[in-house]
Amino acid sequence: MDAIELDMNRTLREQWEVHWNHQLRARLAGLSDDEYFWSPVPDAWSVRPRGSSTAPVQAGSGDFTIDFAFPQPVPAVFTTIAWRLGHVIVGLLAARNAAHFGAPEASYESWEYAGGAATALDQLETQLDVWLAGVRGLGEAGLRVPAGPKEPFPEATMADLVLHIHRELIHHLSEVCLLRDLYPHANPATNGATR
């Protein structure tokens, strides 16, 4: 019996692509601005018009900023869909795309955060496309090289980084889906009209 050769690069990409194409993409479709900014608890961190935040740190270069604090509060502050998407788009994808795949530099401080759901979802799709093209371009050999000094664990391989980013994407975007599920229950006037 011939051994099946494992294409690790394809397997890692499919880990994310299957989840995105069969779970998350449809669940994010139609996200409204009300859902995007909705805060189910007082004082949640979010993305806000510049100058309107009371968070200790307001990062961003455009008309909207994202709330932060250093060190992080304990217990952690609850975050809105807008904040979670901002974290995924910038912290997980855009910064890594810049560090590893030749994309423009990106950081929480320099990012122009989306002032609405449609723009945020467009930013997410764009960064996901860059990420997946970059991972594909690593091939098999590129997955074995160290991630390098721009990562918290520079000795970890690029395969380790890809697995980490995919776990984080699945985790945080599942949180966004849960908040979408909660939204019509907390806002009965919407009567599920956002889906």
Protein backbone atom coordinates (compact mmCIF):
# COMPACT_ATOMS: atom_id res chain seq x y z
CA MET A 1 0.00 0.00 0.00
CA ASP A 2 1.42 3.39 -0.98
CA ALA A 3 1.67 6.01 1.73
CA ILE A 4 -0.37 9.12 1.13
CA GLU A 5 1.87 12.17 1.00
CA LEU A 6 0.69 14.91 3.30
CA ASP A 7 0.49 18.39 1.76
CA MET A 8 0.84 20.35 5.00
CA ASN A 9 0.40 23.71 3.29
CA ARG A 10 -2.93 22.69 1.76
CA THR A 11 -4.04 21.11 5.04
CA LEU A 12 -3.30 24.28 7.02
CA ARG A 13 -5.12 26.48 4.50
CA GLU A 14 -8.10 24.13 4.44
CA GLN A 15 -8.28 24.26 8.25
CA TRP A 16 -9.30 27.89 7.91
CA GLU A 17 -10.98 27.88 4.47
CA VAL A 18 -13.47 25.12 5.32
CA HIS A 19 -14.51 26.89 8.51
CA TRP A 20 -14.75 30.27 6.73
CA ASN A 21 -16.64 29.00 3.68
CA HIS A 22 -19.02 26.63 5.49
CA GLN A 23 -19.51 28.31 8.86
CA LEU A 24 -18.45 31.89 9.32
CA ARG A 25 -18.89 33.76 6.04
CA ALA A 26 -22.66 33.16 5.91
CA ARG A 27 -23.01 33.97 9.62
CA LEU A 28 -21.38 37.37 9.11
CA ALA A 29 -23.40 38.28 6.01
CA GLY A 30 -25.79 41.15 6.59
CA LEU A 31 -24.11 42.39 9.76
CA SER A 32 -25.79 45.71 10.54
CA ASP A 33 -24.17 48.82 11.96
CA ASP A 34 -26.43 48.49 15.02
CA GLU A 35 -25.06 45.00 15.68
CA TYR A 36 -21.52 46.11 14.92
CA PHE A 37 -21.58 48.81 17.61
CA TRP A 38 -24.04 47.15 20.04
CA SER A 39 -22.85 46.86 23.63
CA PRO A 40 -24.69 44.31 25.75
CA VAL A 41 -22.99 45.64 28.92
CA PRO A 42 -22.01 49.12 30.11
CA ASP A 43 -18.49 50.36 29.36
CA ALA A 44 -17.63 47.69 26.78
CA TRP A 45 -14.63 48.43 24.61
CA SER A 46 -15.49 49.26 21.03
CA VAL A 47 -14.52 51.19 17.94
CA ARG A 48 -15.70 54.78 18.38
CA PRO A 49 -15.63 58.14 16.65
CA ARG A 50 -12.33 59.85 17.45
CA GLY A 51 -12.51 61.77 20.73
CA SER A 52 -15.59 59.99 22.09
CA SER A 53 -13.88 57.17 24.01
CA THR A 54 -13.17 57.13 27.74
CA ALA A 55 -10.76 54.17 27.50
CA PRO A 56 -7.21 54.83 28.72
CA VAL A 57 -5.86 54.25 25.19
CA GLN A 58 -7.60 55.12 21.92
CA ALA A 59 -5.61 53.79 18.98
CA GLY A 60 -6.12 54.48 15.29
CA SER A 61 -5.23 56.96 12.57
CA GLY A 62 -8.61 57.75 11.05
CA ASP A 63 -11.98 59.05 12.14
CA PHE A 64 -12.51 56.03 14.44
CA THR A 65 -10.35 54.62 17.22
CA ILE A 66 -10.27 51.32 19.10
CA ASP A 67 -10.33 51.16 22.91
CA PHE A 68 -7.38 49.69 24.86
CA ALA A 69 -5.54 49.83 28.17
CA PHE A 70 -2.03 48.79 29.19
CA PRO A 71 -1.82 46.71 31.20
CA GLN A 72 -5.04 44.92 30.30
CA PRO A 73 -7.66 45.24 33.05
CA VAL A 74 -8.47 42.25 35.26
CA PRO A 75 -11.09 41.03 34.77
CA ALA A 76 -10.95 41.65 31.03
CA VAL A 77 -13.28 44.30 29.64
CA PHE A 78 -16.16 43.03 27.49
CA THR A 79 -15.76 43.94 23.80
CA THR A 80 -18.25 44.67 21.01
CA ILE A 81 -18.37 43.11 17.56
CA ALA A 82 -16.64 46.24 16.25
CA TRP A 83 -13.76 45.77 18.69
CA ARG A 84 -13.46 42.04 18.01
CA LEU A 85 -13.39 42.60 14.25
CA GLY A 86 -10.81 45.37 14.69
CA HIS A 87 -8.63 42.99 16.71
CA VAL A 88 -8.92 40.22 14.11
CA ILE A 89 -8.34 42.53 11.13
CA VAL A 90 -5.36 44.38 12.58
CA GLY A 91 -3.79 42.31 15.36
CA LEU A 92 -4.17 38.89 13.82
CA LEU A 93 -4.08 39.55 10.08
CA ALA A 94 -2.83 42.94 8.87
CA ALA A 95 0.16 43.08 11.23
CA ARG A 96 1.11 39.49 10.30
CA ASN A 97 0.57 40.17 6.60
CA ALA A 98 3.00 43.08 6.92
CA ALA A 99 5.53 41.13 8.97
CA HIS A 100 5.60 38.03 6.80
CA PHE A 101 4.02 38.62 3.40
CA GLY A 102 5.11 42.06 2.19
CA ALA A 103 1.84 43.87 2.92
CA PRO A 104 1.92 47.52 4.05
CA GLU A 105 2.89 48.11 7.69
CA ALA A 106 -0.07 47.86 10.04
CA SER A 107 -0.54 48.36 13.77
CA TYR A 108 -3.34 49.21 16.16
CA GLU A 109 -2.02 52.78 16.26
CA SER A 110 -1.78 53.28 12.49
CA TRP A 111 -4.95 51.50 11.33
CA GLU A 112 -8.00 53.32 9.95
CA TYR A 113 -10.79 51.48 11.77
CA ALA A 114 -14.10 50.92 10.05
CA GLY A 115 -16.95 53.23 10.99
CA GLY A 116 -19.51 50.63 9.91
CA ALA A 117 -20.08 46.92 9.55
CA ALA A 118 -19.83 46.70 5.75
CA THR A 119 -16.43 48.41 5.72
CA ALA A 120 -15.17 46.18 8.52
CA LEU A 121 -16.27 43.05 6.66
CA ASP A 122 -14.54 44.34 3.50
CA GLN A 123 -11.35 44.91 5.51
CA LEU A 124 -11.65 41.40 6.93
CA GLU A 125 -12.07 39.80 3.48
CA THR A 126 -9.10 41.78 2.11
CA GLN A 127 -6.80 40.78 4.96
CA LEU A 128 -7.92 37.15 4.78
CA ASP A 129 -7.13 37.07 1.05
CA VAL A 130 -3.62 38.45 1.69
CA TRP A 131 -3.08 35.99 4.54
CA LEU A 132 -4.13 32.93 2.54
CA ALA A 133 -2.07 33.97 -0.49
CA GLY A 134 0.91 34.46 1.82
CA VAL A 135 0.46 31.07 3.46
CA ARG A 136 0.11 29.43 0.03
CA GLY A 137 3.31 31.15 -1.07
CA LEU A 138 5.25 29.62 1.83
CA GLY A 139 5.01 26.20 0.22
CA GLU A 140 6.13 23.25 2.30
CA ALA A 141 9.66 24.46 3.03
CA GLY A 142 8.51 27.91 4.18
CA LEU A 143 6.30 26.35 6.86
CA ARG A 144 9.40 24.90 8.54
CA VAL A 145 11.34 28.15 8.96
CA PRO A 146 11.24 30.10 12.24
CA ALA A 147 8.58 32.83 12.41
CA GLY A 148 11.29 35.27 13.46
CA PRO A 149 11.73 38.29 15.72
CA LYS A 150 8.45 40.01 14.84
CA GLU A 151 6.58 37.25 16.71
CA PRO A 152 6.34 36.65 20.48
CA PHE A 153 7.83 33.17 19.98
CA PRO A 154 10.43 33.77 17.25
CA GLU A 155 11.75 30.20 17.32
CA ALA A 156 8.33 28.74 16.51
CA THR A 157 7.89 27.67 12.90
CA MET A 158 5.67 29.42 10.39
CA ALA A 159 3.43 26.31 10.56
CA ASP A 160 3.02 26.98 14.29
CA LEU A 161 2.13 30.60 13.53
CA VAL A 162 -0.42 29.60 10.87
CA LEU A 163 -2.07 27.16 13.30
CA HIS A 164 -2.14 29.86 15.99
CA ILE A 165 -3.68 32.49 13.70
CA HIS A 166 -6.32 30.06 12.44
CA ARG A 167 -7.27 29.07 16.01
CA GLU A 168 -7.55 32.74 16.93
CA LEU A 169 -9.65 33.53 13.85
CA ILE A 170 -12.05 30.69 14.61
CA HIS A 171 -12.21 31.69 18.28
CA HIS A 172 -12.84 35.42 17.85
CA LEU A 173 -15.15 35.19 14.85
CA SER A 174 -17.21 32.56 16.68
CA GLU A 175 -17.55 35.12 19.49
CA VAL A 176 -18.85 37.60 16.89
CA CYS A 177 -21.42 35.02 15.78
CA LEU A 178 -22.52 34.48 19.37
CA LEU A 179 -23.02 38.23 19.83
CA ARG A 180 -25.10 38.26 16.65
CA ASP A 181 -27.21 35.44 18.10
CA LEU A 182 -27.70 37.41 21.31
CA TYR A 183 -28.52 40.73 19.62
CA PRO A 184 -32.16 40.03 18.57
CA HIS A 185 -32.94 38.63 22.02
CA ALA A 186 -31.67 41.76 23.72
CA ASN A 187 -33.27 44.01 21.08
CA PRO A 188 -36.70 42.44 20.43
CA ALA A 189 -37.73 45.33 18.17
CA THR A 190 -35.32 43.97 15.57
CA ASN A 191 -37.31 40.71 15.58
CA GLY A 192 -34.37 38.93 13.95
CA ALA A 193 -34.52 41.33 10.98
CA THR A 194 -30.73 41.53 10.84
CA ARG A 195 -30.38 38.02 9.39
